[in-house]
mmCIF file of all heavy atoms, coordinates in Angstrom:
data_MODEL
# 
_entry.id   MODEL 
# 
loop_
_atom_site.group_PDB 
_atom_site.id 
_atom_site.type_symbol 
_atom_site.label_atom_id 
_atom_site.label_alt_id 
_atom_site.label_comp_id 
_atom_site.label_asym_id 
_atom_site.label_entity_id 
_atom_site.label_seq_id 
_atom_site.pdbx_PDB_ins_code 
_atom_site.Cartn_x 
_atom_site.Cartn_y 
_atom_site.Cartn_z 
_atom_site.occupancy 
_atom_site.B_iso_or_equiv 
_atom_site.pdbx_formal_charge 
_atom_site.auth_seq_id 
_atom_site.auth_comp_id 
_atom_site.auth_asym_id 
_atom_site.auth_atom_id 
_atom_site.pdbx_PDB_model_num 
ATOM 1   N N   . SER A 1 1  ? 6.945   222.463 289.909 1.00 0.00 ? 1  SER A N   1 
ATOM 2   C CA  . SER A 1 1  ? 6.456   221.468 288.954 1.00 0.00 ? 1  SER A CA  1 
ATOM 3   C C   . SER A 1 1  ? 4.952   221.284 289.069 1.00 0.00 ? 1  SER A C   1 
ATOM 4   O O   . SER A 1 1  ? 4.254   221.088 288.069 1.00 0.00 ? 1  SER A O   1 
ATOM 5   C CB  . SER A 1 1  ? 7.168   220.122 289.175 1.00 0.00 ? 1  SER A CB  1 
ATOM 6   O OG  . SER A 1 1  ? 8.561   220.269 288.983 1.00 0.00 ? 1  SER A OG  1 
ATOM 7   N N   . GLY A 1 2  ? 4.427   221.365 290.286 1.00 0.00 ? 2  GLY A N   1 
ATOM 8   C CA  . GLY A 1 2  ? 2.990   221.268 290.477 1.00 0.00 ? 2  GLY A CA  1 
ATOM 9   C C   . GLY A 1 2  ? 2.253   222.431 289.847 1.00 0.00 ? 2  GLY A C   1 
ATOM 10  O O   . GLY A 1 2  ? 1.176   222.262 289.252 1.00 0.00 ? 2  GLY A O   1 
ATOM 11  N N   . ALA A 1 3  ? 2.816   223.640 289.978 1.00 0.00 ? 3  ALA A N   1 
ATOM 12  C CA  . ALA A 1 3  ? 2.213   224.815 289.345 1.00 0.00 ? 3  ALA A CA  1 
ATOM 13  C C   . ALA A 1 3  ? 2.182   224.643 287.834 1.00 0.00 ? 3  ALA A C   1 
ATOM 14  O O   . ALA A 1 3  ? 1.179   224.939 287.172 1.00 0.00 ? 3  ALA A O   1 
ATOM 15  C CB  . ALA A 1 3  ? 2.990   226.070 289.726 1.00 0.00 ? 3  ALA A CB  1 
ATOM 16  N N   . LEU A 1 4  ? 3.285   224.153 287.286 1.00 0.00 ? 4  LEU A N   1 
ATOM 17  C CA  . LEU A 1 4  ? 3.369   223.954 285.843 1.00 0.00 ? 4  LEU A CA  1 
ATOM 18  C C   . LEU A 1 4  ? 2.363   222.904 285.376 1.00 0.00 ? 4  LEU A C   1 
ATOM 19  O O   . LEU A 1 4  ? 1.721   223.064 284.322 1.00 0.00 ? 4  LEU A O   1 
ATOM 20  C CB  . LEU A 1 4  ? 4.804   223.540 285.482 1.00 0.00 ? 4  LEU A CB  1 
ATOM 21  C CG  . LEU A 1 4  ? 5.250   223.672 284.035 1.00 0.00 ? 4  LEU A CG  1 
ATOM 22  C CD1 . LEU A 1 4  ? 4.955   225.051 283.469 1.00 0.00 ? 4  LEU A CD1 1 
ATOM 23  C CD2 . LEU A 1 4  ? 6.746   223.363 283.944 1.00 0.00 ? 4  LEU A CD2 1 
ATOM 24  N N   . GLU A 1 5  ? 2.185   221.861 286.162 1.00 0.00 ? 5  GLU A N   1 
ATOM 25  C CA  . GLU A 1 5  ? 1.211   220.813 285.811 1.00 0.00 ? 5  GLU A CA  1 
ATOM 26  C C   . GLU A 1 5  ? -0.210  221.364 285.840 1.00 0.00 ? 5  GLU A C   1 
ATOM 27  O O   . GLU A 1 5  ? -1.022  221.050 284.962 1.00 0.00 ? 5  GLU A O   1 
ATOM 28  C CB  . GLU A 1 5  ? 1.353   219.622 286.760 1.00 0.00 ? 5  GLU A CB  1 
ATOM 29  C CG  . GLU A 1 5  ? 0.291   218.539 286.580 1.00 0.00 ? 5  GLU A CG  1 
ATOM 30  C CD  . GLU A 1 5  ? 0.325   217.831 285.230 1.00 0.00 ? 5  GLU A CD  1 
ATOM 31  O OE1 . GLU A 1 5  ? 1.295   218.025 284.469 1.00 0.00 ? 5  GLU A OE1 1 
ATOM 32  O OE2 . GLU A 1 5  ? -0.636  217.090 284.933 1.00 0.00 ? 5  GLU A OE2 1 
ATOM 33  N N   . ASP A 1 6  ? -0.526  222.178 286.850 1.00 0.00 ? 6  ASP A N   1 
ATOM 34  C CA  . ASP A 1 6  ? -1.865  222.777 286.919 1.00 0.00 ? 6  ASP A CA  1 
ATOM 35  C C   . ASP A 1 6  ? -2.159  223.587 285.652 1.00 0.00 ? 6  ASP A C   1 
ATOM 36  O O   . ASP A 1 6  ? -3.270  223.532 285.109 1.00 0.00 ? 6  ASP A O   1 
ATOM 37  C CB  . ASP A 1 6  ? -1.974  223.695 288.135 1.00 0.00 ? 6  ASP A CB  1 
ATOM 38  C CG  . ASP A 1 6  ? -2.194  222.936 289.432 1.00 0.00 ? 6  ASP A CG  1 
ATOM 39  O OD1 . ASP A 1 6  ? -2.479  221.725 289.366 1.00 0.00 ? 6  ASP A OD1 1 
ATOM 40  O OD2 . ASP A 1 6  ? -2.090  223.561 290.504 1.00 0.00 ? 6  ASP A OD2 1 
ATOM 41  N N   . ILE A 1 7  ? -1.174  224.331 285.205 1.00 0.00 ? 7  ILE A N   1 
ATOM 42  C CA  . ILE A 1 7  ? -1.351  225.141 284.000 1.00 0.00 ? 7  ILE A CA  1 
ATOM 43  C C   . ILE A 1 7  ? -1.469  224.241 282.775 1.00 0.00 ? 7  ILE A C   1 
ATOM 44  O O   . ILE A 1 7  ? -2.331  224.434 281.908 1.00 0.00 ? 7  ILE A O   1 
ATOM 45  C CB  . ILE A 1 7  ? -0.185  226.129 283.828 1.00 0.00 ? 7  ILE A CB  1 
ATOM 46  C CG1 . ILE A 1 7  ? -0.077  227.070 285.032 1.00 0.00 ? 7  ILE A CG1 1 
ATOM 47  C CG2 . ILE A 1 7  ? -0.338  226.939 282.543 1.00 0.00 ? 7  ILE A CG2 1 
ATOM 48  C CD1 . ILE A 1 7  ? 1.240   227.819 285.108 1.00 0.00 ? 7  ILE A CD1 1 
ATOM 49  N N   . TRP A 1 8  ? -0.612  223.228 282.718 1.00 0.00 ? 8  TRP A N   1 
ATOM 50  C CA  . TRP A 1 8  ? -0.568  222.382 281.514 1.00 0.00 ? 8  TRP A CA  1 
ATOM 51  C C   . TRP A 1 8  ? -1.817  221.542 281.340 1.00 0.00 ? 8  TRP A C   1 
ATOM 52  O O   . TRP A 1 8  ? -2.195  221.196 280.224 1.00 0.00 ? 8  TRP A O   1 
ATOM 53  C CB  . TRP A 1 8  ? 0.691   221.512 281.503 1.00 0.00 ? 8  TRP A CB  1 
ATOM 54  C CG  . TRP A 1 8  ? 1.230   221.424 280.112 1.00 0.00 ? 8  TRP A CG  1 
ATOM 55  C CD1 . TRP A 1 8  ? 1.114   220.383 279.237 1.00 0.00 ? 8  TRP A CD1 1 
ATOM 56  C CD2 . TRP A 1 8  ? 1.901   222.465 279.412 1.00 0.00 ? 8  TRP A CD2 1 
ATOM 57  N NE1 . TRP A 1 8  ? 1.690   220.720 278.042 1.00 0.00 ? 8  TRP A NE1 1 
ATOM 58  C CE2 . TRP A 1 8  ? 2.184   221.986 278.119 1.00 0.00 ? 8  TRP A CE2 1 
ATOM 59  C CE3 . TRP A 1 8  ? 2.302   223.753 279.755 1.00 0.00 ? 8  TRP A CE3 1 
ATOM 60  C CZ2 . TRP A 1 8  ? 2.851   222.752 277.172 1.00 0.00 ? 8  TRP A CZ2 1 
ATOM 61  C CZ3 . TRP A 1 8  ? 2.972   224.526 278.817 1.00 0.00 ? 8  TRP A CZ3 1 
ATOM 62  C CH2 . TRP A 1 8  ? 3.232   224.018 277.535 1.00 0.00 ? 8  TRP A CH2 1 
ATOM 63  N N   . LEU A 1 9  ? -2.477  221.222 282.434 1.00 0.00 ? 9  LEU A N   1 
ATOM 64  C CA  . LEU A 1 9  ? -3.752  220.514 282.325 1.00 0.00 ? 9  LEU A CA  1 
ATOM 65  C C   . LEU A 1 9  ? -4.745  221.332 281.505 1.00 0.00 ? 9  LEU A C   1 
ATOM 66  O O   . LEU A 1 9  ? -5.530  220.781 280.722 1.00 0.00 ? 9  LEU A O   1 
ATOM 67  C CB  . LEU A 1 9  ? -4.323  220.236 283.714 1.00 0.00 ? 9  LEU A CB  1 
ATOM 68  C CG  . LEU A 1 9  ? -3.651  219.119 284.519 1.00 0.00 ? 9  LEU A CG  1 
ATOM 69  C CD1 . LEU A 1 9  ? -4.187  219.086 285.942 1.00 0.00 ? 9  LEU A CD1 1 
ATOM 70  C CD2 . LEU A 1 9  ? -3.844  217.767 283.842 1.00 0.00 ? 9  LEU A CD2 1 
ATOM 71  N N   . ARG A 1 10 ? -4.684  222.661 281.653 1.00 0.00 ? 10 ARG A N   1 
ATOM 72  C CA  . ARG A 1 10 ? -5.594  223.516 280.876 1.00 0.00 ? 10 ARG A CA  1 
ATOM 73  C C   . ARG A 1 10 ? -5.152  223.621 279.429 1.00 0.00 ? 10 ARG A C   1 
ATOM 74  O O   . ARG A 1 10 ? -5.990  223.708 278.525 1.00 0.00 ? 10 ARG A O   1 
ATOM 75  C CB  . ARG A 1 10 ? -5.667  224.906 281.508 1.00 0.00 ? 10 ARG A CB  1 
ATOM 76  C CG  . ARG A 1 10 ? -6.676  225.036 282.633 1.00 0.00 ? 10 ARG A CG  1 
ATOM 77  C CD  . ARG A 1 10 ? -6.342  224.182 283.827 1.00 0.00 ? 10 ARG A CD  1 
ATOM 78  N NE  . ARG A 1 10 ? -7.316  224.322 284.917 1.00 0.00 ? 10 ARG A NE  1 
ATOM 79  C CZ  . ARG A 1 10 ? -7.108  223.827 286.125 1.00 0.00 ? 10 ARG A CZ  1 
ATOM 80  N NH1 . ARG A 1 10 ? -5.994  223.145 286.402 1.00 0.00 ? 10 ARG A NH1 1 
ATOM 81  N NH2 . ARG A 1 10 ? -8.032  223.984 287.066 1.00 0.00 ? 10 ARG A NH2 1 
ATOM 82  N N   . VAL A 1 11 ? -3.849  223.599 279.194 1.00 0.00 ? 11 VAL A N   1 
ATOM 83  C CA  . VAL A 1 11 ? -3.361  223.596 277.812 1.00 0.00 ? 11 VAL A CA  1 
ATOM 84  C C   . VAL A 1 11 ? -3.871  222.348 277.098 1.00 0.00 ? 11 VAL A C   1 
ATOM 85  O O   . VAL A 1 11 ? -4.387  222.415 275.969 1.00 0.00 ? 11 VAL A O   1 
ATOM 86  C CB  . VAL A 1 11 ? -1.818  223.658 277.778 1.00 0.00 ? 11 VAL A CB  1 
ATOM 87  C CG1 . VAL A 1 11 ? -1.294  223.489 276.353 1.00 0.00 ? 11 VAL A CG1 1 
ATOM 88  C CG2 . VAL A 1 11 ? -1.318  224.974 278.380 1.00 0.00 ? 11 VAL A CG2 1 
ATOM 89  N N   . ARG A 1 12 ? -3.760  221.221 277.758 1.00 0.00 ? 12 ARG A N   1 
ATOM 90  C CA  . ARG A 1 12 ? -4.239  219.971 277.163 1.00 0.00 ? 12 ARG A CA  1 
ATOM 91  C C   . ARG A 1 12 ? -5.758  220.001 276.975 1.00 0.00 ? 12 ARG A C   1 
ATOM 92  O O   . ARG A 1 12 ? -6.283  219.508 275.971 1.00 0.00 ? 12 ARG A O   1 
ATOM 93  C CB  . ARG A 1 12 ? -3.856  218.791 278.059 1.00 0.00 ? 12 ARG A CB  1 
ATOM 94  C CG  . ARG A 1 12 ? -2.377  218.447 278.032 1.00 0.00 ? 12 ARG A CG  1 
ATOM 95  C CD  . ARG A 1 12 ? -2.159  217.131 278.754 1.00 0.00 ? 12 ARG A CD  1 
ATOM 96  N NE  . ARG A 1 12 ? -0.760  216.773 278.773 1.00 0.00 ? 12 ARG A NE  1 
ATOM 97  C CZ  . ARG A 1 12 ? -0.126  216.316 279.854 1.00 0.00 ? 12 ARG A CZ  1 
ATOM 98  N NH1 . ARG A 1 12 ? -0.780  216.200 280.990 1.00 0.00 ? 12 ARG A NH1 1 
ATOM 99  N NH2 . ARG A 1 12 ? 1.129   215.983 279.805 1.00 0.00 ? 12 ARG A NH2 1 
ATOM 100 N N   . TRP A 1 13 ? -6.466  220.542 277.964 1.00 0.00 ? 13 TRP A N   1 
ATOM 101 C CA  . TRP A 1 13 ? -7.920  220.597 277.857 1.00 0.00 ? 13 TRP A CA  1 
ATOM 102 C C   . TRP A 1 13 ? -8.340  221.447 276.664 1.00 0.00 ? 13 TRP A C   1 
ATOM 103 O O   . TRP A 1 13 ? -9.258  221.080 275.930 1.00 0.00 ? 13 TRP A O   1 
ATOM 104 C CB  . TRP A 1 13 ? -8.519  221.179 279.150 1.00 0.00 ? 13 TRP A CB  1 
ATOM 105 C CG  . TRP A 1 13 ? -10.015 221.066 279.173 1.00 0.00 ? 13 TRP A CG  1 
ATOM 106 C CD1 . TRP A 1 13 ? -10.755 220.038 279.668 1.00 0.00 ? 13 TRP A CD1 1 
ATOM 107 C CD2 . TRP A 1 13 ? -10.943 221.997 278.612 1.00 0.00 ? 13 TRP A CD2 1 
ATOM 108 N NE1 . TRP A 1 13 ? -12.099 220.271 279.471 1.00 0.00 ? 13 TRP A NE1 1 
ATOM 109 C CE2 . TRP A 1 13 ? -12.249 221.474 278.818 1.00 0.00 ? 13 TRP A CE2 1 
ATOM 110 C CE3 . TRP A 1 13 ? -10.824 223.223 277.959 1.00 0.00 ? 13 TRP A CE3 1 
ATOM 111 C CZ2 . TRP A 1 13 ? -13.397 222.128 278.405 1.00 0.00 ? 13 TRP A CZ2 1 
ATOM 112 C CZ3 . TRP A 1 13 ? -11.963 223.883 277.539 1.00 0.00 ? 13 TRP A CZ3 1 
ATOM 113 C CH2 . TRP A 1 13 ? -13.236 223.345 277.762 1.00 0.00 ? 13 TRP A CH2 1 
ATOM 114 N N   . LEU A 1 14 ? -7.668  222.573 276.457 1.00 0.00 ? 14 LEU A N   1 
ATOM 115 C CA  . LEU A 1 14 ? -7.998  223.439 275.318 1.00 0.00 ? 14 LEU A CA  1 
ATOM 116 C C   . LEU A 1 14 ? -7.764  222.709 273.989 1.00 0.00 ? 14 LEU A C   1 
ATOM 117 O O   . LEU A 1 14 ? -8.538  222.867 273.041 1.00 0.00 ? 14 LEU A O   1 
ATOM 118 C CB  . LEU A 1 14 ? -7.172  224.734 275.372 1.00 0.00 ? 14 LEU A CB  1 
ATOM 119 C CG  . LEU A 1 14 ? -7.571  225.726 276.470 1.00 0.00 ? 14 LEU A CG  1 
ATOM 120 C CD1 . LEU A 1 14 ? -6.529  226.833 276.589 1.00 0.00 ? 14 LEU A CD1 1 
ATOM 121 C CD2 . LEU A 1 14 ? -8.952  226.319 276.202 1.00 0.00 ? 14 LEU A CD2 1 
ATOM 122 N N   . ASN A 1 15 ? -6.707  221.912 273.937 1.00 0.00 ? 15 ASN A N   1 
ATOM 123 C CA  . ASN A 1 15 ? -6.467  221.115 272.731 1.00 0.00 ? 15 ASN A CA  1 
ATOM 124 C C   . ASN A 1 15 ? -7.602  220.120 272.500 1.00 0.00 ? 15 ASN A C   1 
ATOM 125 O O   . ASN A 1 15 ? -8.077  219.941 271.370 1.00 0.00 ? 15 ASN A O   1 
ATOM 126 C CB  . ASN A 1 15 ? -5.128  220.372 272.840 1.00 0.00 ? 15 ASN A CB  1 
ATOM 127 C CG  . ASN A 1 15 ? -3.956  221.207 272.380 1.00 0.00 ? 15 ASN A CG  1 
ATOM 128 O OD1 . ASN A 1 15 ? -3.803  221.467 271.189 1.00 0.00 ? 15 ASN A OD1 1 
ATOM 129 N ND2 . ASN A 1 15 ? -3.134  221.642 273.321 1.00 0.00 ? 15 ASN A ND2 1 
ATOM 130 N N   . GLY A 1 16 ? -8.027  219.481 273.568 1.00 0.00 ? 16 GLY A N   1 
ATOM 131 C CA  . GLY A 1 16 ? -9.143  218.549 273.441 1.00 0.00 ? 16 GLY A CA  1 
ATOM 132 C C   . GLY A 1 16 ? -10.428 219.257 273.049 1.00 0.00 ? 16 GLY A C   1 
ATOM 133 O O   . GLY A 1 16 ? -11.242 218.718 272.274 1.00 0.00 ? 16 GLY A O   1 
ATOM 134 N N   . PHE A 1 17 ? -10.620 220.467 273.546 1.00 0.00 ? 17 PHE A N   1 
ATOM 135 C CA  . PHE A 1 17 ? -11.800 221.258 273.227 1.00 0.00 ? 17 PHE A CA  1 
ATOM 136 C C   . PHE A 1 17 ? -11.844 221.588 271.734 1.00 0.00 ? 17 PHE A C   1 
ATOM 137 O O   . PHE A 1 17 ? -12.898 221.482 271.093 1.00 0.00 ? 17 PHE A O   1 
ATOM 138 C CB  . PHE A 1 17 ? -11.787 222.540 274.067 1.00 0.00 ? 17 PHE A CB  1 
ATOM 139 C CG  . PHE A 1 17 ? -12.957 223.451 273.828 1.00 0.00 ? 17 PHE A CG  1 
ATOM 140 C CD1 . PHE A 1 17 ? -14.226 223.114 274.277 1.00 0.00 ? 17 PHE A CD1 1 
ATOM 141 C CD2 . PHE A 1 17 ? -12.782 224.651 273.163 1.00 0.00 ? 17 PHE A CD2 1 
ATOM 142 C CE1 . PHE A 1 17 ? -15.313 223.960 274.063 1.00 0.00 ? 17 PHE A CE1 1 
ATOM 143 C CE2 . PHE A 1 17 ? -13.849 225.501 272.941 1.00 0.00 ? 17 PHE A CE2 1 
ATOM 144 C CZ  . PHE A 1 17 ? -15.119 225.159 273.390 1.00 0.00 ? 17 PHE A CZ  1 
ATOM 145 N N   . VAL A 1 18 ? -10.704 221.960 271.174 1.00 0.00 ? 18 VAL A N   1 
ATOM 146 C CA  . VAL A 1 18 ? -10.642 222.248 269.733 1.00 0.00 ? 18 VAL A CA  1 
ATOM 147 C C   . VAL A 1 18 ? -11.051 221.018 268.940 1.00 0.00 ? 18 VAL A C   1 
ATOM 148 O O   . VAL A 1 18 ? -11.872 221.087 268.005 1.00 0.00 ? 18 VAL A O   1 
ATOM 149 C CB  . VAL A 1 18 ? -9.225  222.696 269.315 1.00 0.00 ? 18 VAL A CB  1 
ATOM 150 C CG1 . VAL A 1 18 ? -9.132  222.813 267.798 1.00 0.00 ? 18 VAL A CG1 1 
ATOM 151 C CG2 . VAL A 1 18 ? -8.878  224.027 269.953 1.00 0.00 ? 18 VAL A CG2 1 
ATOM 152 N N   . GLN A 1 19 ? -10.487 219.883 269.313 1.00 0.00 ? 19 GLN A N   1 
ATOM 153 C CA  . GLN A 1 19 ? -10.781 218.661 268.564 1.00 0.00 ? 19 GLN A CA  1 
ATOM 154 C C   . GLN A 1 19 ? -12.252 218.267 268.676 1.00 0.00 ? 19 GLN A C   1 
ATOM 155 O O   . GLN A 1 19 ? -12.856 217.807 267.700 1.00 0.00 ? 19 GLN A O   1 
ATOM 156 C CB  . GLN A 1 19 ? -9.896  217.520 269.079 1.00 0.00 ? 19 GLN A CB  1 
ATOM 157 C CG  . GLN A 1 19 ? -8.415  217.685 268.750 1.00 0.00 ? 19 GLN A CG  1 
ATOM 158 C CD  . GLN A 1 19 ? -8.173  217.836 267.258 1.00 0.00 ? 19 GLN A CD  1 
ATOM 159 O OE1 . GLN A 1 19 ? -7.704  218.879 266.794 1.00 0.00 ? 19 GLN A OE1 1 
ATOM 160 N NE2 . GLN A 1 19 ? -8.507  216.787 266.499 1.00 0.00 ? 19 GLN A NE2 1 
ATOM 161 N N   . SER A 1 20 ? -12.837 218.459 269.840 1.00 0.00 ? 20 SER A N   1 
ATOM 162 C CA  . SER A 1 20 ? -14.229 218.043 270.021 1.00 0.00 ? 20 SER A CA  1 
ATOM 163 C C   . SER A 1 20 ? -15.219 218.995 269.344 1.00 0.00 ? 20 SER A C   1 
ATOM 164 O O   . SER A 1 20 ? -16.264 218.561 268.844 1.00 0.00 ? 20 SER A O   1 
ATOM 165 C CB  . SER A 1 20 ? -14.550 217.937 271.515 1.00 0.00 ? 20 SER A CB  1 
ATOM 166 O OG  . SER A 1 20 ? -14.518 219.222 272.129 1.00 0.00 ? 20 SER A OG  1 
ATOM 167 N N   . GLN A 1 21 ? -14.877 220.278 269.289 1.00 0.00 ? 21 GLN A N   1 
ATOM 168 C CA  . GLN A 1 21 ? -15.804 221.271 268.731 1.00 0.00 ? 21 GLN A CA  1 
ATOM 169 C C   . GLN A 1 21 ? -15.667 221.444 267.216 1.00 0.00 ? 21 GLN A C   1 
ATOM 170 O O   . GLN A 1 21 ? -16.590 221.922 266.560 1.00 0.00 ? 21 GLN A O   1 
ATOM 171 C CB  . GLN A 1 21 ? -15.593 222.627 269.420 1.00 0.00 ? 21 GLN A CB  1 
ATOM 172 C CG  . GLN A 1 21 ? -15.853 222.614 270.912 1.00 0.00 ? 21 GLN A CG  1 
ATOM 173 C CD  . GLN A 1 21 ? -17.264 222.197 271.251 1.00 0.00 ? 21 GLN A CD  1 
ATOM 174 O OE1 . GLN A 1 21 ? -18.240 222.738 270.714 1.00 0.00 ? 21 GLN A OE1 1 
ATOM 175 N NE2 . GLN A 1 21 ? -17.399 221.202 272.127 1.00 0.00 ? 21 GLN A NE2 1 
ATOM 176 N N   . GLU A 1 22 ? -14.501 221.089 266.689 1.00 0.00 ? 22 GLU A N   1 
ATOM 177 C CA  . GLU A 1 22 ? -14.251 221.159 265.244 1.00 0.00 ? 22 GLU A CA  1 
ATOM 178 C C   . GLU A 1 22 ? -14.705 222.493 264.633 1.00 0.00 ? 22 GLU A C   1 
ATOM 179 O O   . GLU A 1 22 ? -15.603 222.537 263.782 1.00 0.00 ? 22 GLU A O   1 
ATOM 180 C CB  . GLU A 1 22 ? -14.953 219.986 264.534 1.00 0.00 ? 22 GLU A CB  1 
ATOM 181 C CG  . GLU A 1 22 ? -14.465 218.631 265.012 1.00 0.00 ? 22 GLU A CG  1 
ATOM 182 C CD  . GLU A 1 22 ? -15.152 217.482 264.274 1.00 0.00 ? 22 GLU A CD  1 
ATOM 183 O OE1 . GLU A 1 22 ? -16.404 217.548 264.099 1.00 0.00 ? 22 GLU A OE1 1 
ATOM 184 O OE2 . GLU A 1 22 ? -14.442 216.552 263.844 1.00 0.00 ? 22 GLU A OE2 1 
ATOM 185 N N   . PRO A 1 23 ? -14.108 223.588 265.039 1.00 0.00 ? 23 PRO A N   1 
ATOM 186 C CA  . PRO A 1 23 ? -14.532 224.904 264.532 1.00 0.00 ? 23 PRO A CA  1 
ATOM 187 C C   . PRO A 1 23 ? -14.399 225.036 263.010 1.00 0.00 ? 23 PRO A C   1 
ATOM 188 O O   . PRO A 1 23 ? -15.142 225.810 262.394 1.00 0.00 ? 23 PRO A O   1 
ATOM 189 C CB  . PRO A 1 23 ? -13.617 225.884 265.270 1.00 0.00 ? 23 PRO A CB  1 
ATOM 190 C CG  . PRO A 1 23 ? -12.501 225.057 265.826 1.00 0.00 ? 23 PRO A CG  1 
ATOM 191 C CD  . PRO A 1 23 ? -13.035 223.705 266.058 1.00 0.00 ? 23 PRO A CD  1 
ATOM 192 N N   . TRP A 1 24 ? -13.498 224.280 262.407 1.00 0.00 ? 24 TRP A N   1 
ATOM 193 C CA  . TRP A 1 24 ? -13.347 224.333 260.948 1.00 0.00 ? 24 TRP A CA  1 
ATOM 194 C C   . TRP A 1 24 ? -14.604 223.821 260.243 1.00 0.00 ? 24 TRP A C   1 
ATOM 195 O O   . TRP A 1 24 ? -14.885 224.236 259.119 1.00 0.00 ? 24 TRP A O   1 
ATOM 196 C CB  . TRP A 1 24 ? -12.113 223.540 260.512 1.00 0.00 ? 24 TRP A CB  1 
ATOM 197 C CG  . TRP A 1 24 ? -12.024 222.181 261.138 1.00 0.00 ? 24 TRP A CG  1 
ATOM 198 C CD1 . TRP A 1 24 ? -12.531 221.014 260.680 1.00 0.00 ? 24 TRP A CD1 1 
ATOM 199 C CD2 . TRP A 1 24 ? -11.386 221.885 262.396 1.00 0.00 ? 24 TRP A CD2 1 
ATOM 200 N NE1 . TRP A 1 24 ? -12.268 219.990 261.552 1.00 0.00 ? 24 TRP A NE1 1 
ATOM 201 C CE2 . TRP A 1 24 ? -11.557 220.478 262.606 1.00 0.00 ? 24 TRP A CE2 1 
ATOM 202 C CE3 . TRP A 1 24 ? -10.692 222.623 263.351 1.00 0.00 ? 24 TRP A CE3 1 
ATOM 203 C CZ2 . TRP A 1 24 ? -11.055 219.839 263.750 1.00 0.00 ? 24 TRP A CZ2 1 
ATOM 204 C CZ3 . TRP A 1 24 ? -10.194 221.989 264.469 1.00 0.00 ? 24 TRP A CZ3 1 
ATOM 205 C CH2 . TRP A 1 24 ? -10.378 220.610 264.667 1.00 0.00 ? 24 TRP A CH2 1 
ATOM 206 N N   . LYS A 1 25 ? -15.361 222.969 260.891 1.00 0.00 ? 25 LYS A N   1 
ATOM 207 C CA  . LYS A 1 25 ? -16.634 222.515 260.325 1.00 0.00 ? 25 LYS A CA  1 
ATOM 208 C C   . LYS A 1 25 ? -17.738 223.549 260.565 1.00 0.00 ? 25 LYS A C   1 
ATOM 209 O O   . LYS A 1 25 ? -18.576 223.795 259.696 1.00 0.00 ? 25 LYS A O   1 
ATOM 210 C CB  . LYS A 1 25 ? -17.031 221.169 260.911 1.00 0.00 ? 25 LYS A CB  1 
ATOM 211 C CG  . LYS A 1 25 ? -16.152 220.016 260.464 1.00 0.00 ? 25 LYS A CG  1 
ATOM 212 C CD  . LYS A 1 25 ? -16.677 218.687 260.976 1.00 0.00 ? 25 LYS A CD  1 
ATOM 213 C CE  . LYS A 1 25 ? -15.817 217.528 260.486 1.00 0.00 ? 25 LYS A CE  1 
ATOM 214 N NZ  . LYS A 1 25 ? -16.306 216.219 260.999 1.00 0.00 ? 25 LYS A NZ  1 
ATOM 215 N N   . LEU A 1 26 ? -17.702 224.134 261.769 1.00 0.00 ? 26 LEU A N   1 
ATOM 216 C CA  . LEU A 1 26 ? -18.702 225.158 262.068 1.00 0.00 ? 26 LEU A CA  1 
ATOM 217 C C   . LEU A 1 26 ? -18.598 226.341 261.110 1.00 0.00 ? 26 LEU A C   1 
ATOM 218 O O   . LEU A 1 26 ? -19.606 226.971 260.773 1.00 0.00 ? 26 LEU A O   1 
ATOM 219 C CB  . LEU A 1 26 ? -18.526 225.674 263.508 1.00 0.00 ? 26 LEU A CB  1 
ATOM 220 C CG  . LEU A 1 26 ? -18.757 224.680 264.645 1.00 0.00 ? 26 LEU A CG  1 
ATOM 221 C CD1 . LEU A 1 26 ? -18.576 225.368 265.986 1.00 0.00 ? 26 LEU A CD1 1 
ATOM 222 C CD2 . LEU A 1 26 ? -20.144 224.056 264.547 1.00 0.00 ? 26 LEU A CD2 1 
ATOM 223 N N   . ALA A 1 27 ? -17.361 226.626 260.668 1.00 0.00 ? 27 ALA A N   1 
ATOM 224 C CA  . ALA A 1 27 ? -17.146 227.775 259.783 1.00 0.00 ? 27 ALA A CA  1 
ATOM 225 C C   . ALA A 1 27 ? -17.871 227.617 258.449 1.00 0.00 ? 27 ALA A C   1 
ATOM 226 O O   . ALA A 1 27 ? -18.132 228.609 257.757 1.00 0.00 ? 27 ALA A O   1 
ATOM 227 C CB  . ALA A 1 27 ? -15.650 227.975 259.553 1.00 0.00 ? 27 ALA A CB  1 
ATOM 228 N N   . LYS A 1 28 ? -18.201 226.376 258.116 1.00 0.00 ? 28 LYS A N   1 
ATOM 229 C CA  . LYS A 1 28 ? -18.898 226.131 256.837 1.00 0.00 ? 28 LYS A CA  1 
ATOM 230 C C   . LYS A 1 28 ? -20.420 226.280 256.956 1.00 0.00 ? 28 LYS A C   1 
ATOM 231 O O   . LYS A 1 28 ? -21.124 226.205 255.954 1.00 0.00 ? 28 LYS A O   1 
ATOM 232 C CB  . LYS A 1 28 ? -18.554 224.719 256.347 1.00 0.00 ? 28 LYS A CB  1 
ATOM 233 C CG  . LYS A 1 28 ? -17.076 224.515 256.062 1.00 0.00 ? 28 LYS A CG  1 
ATOM 234 C CD  . LYS A 1 28 ? -16.792 223.060 255.695 1.00 0.00 ? 28 LYS A CD  1 
ATOM 235 C CE  . LYS A 1 28 ? -15.297 222.830 255.466 1.00 0.00 ? 28 LYS A CE  1 
ATOM 236 N NZ  . LYS A 1 28 ? -15.005 221.414 255.149 1.00 0.00 ? 28 LYS A NZ  1 
# 
């Protein structure tokens, strides 16, 4: 479970990164 949590923290971080960077706006 600890291994899975370590991995999932990065999954969540990547989601936050998408929201903060807003690539759909950069594309314009």
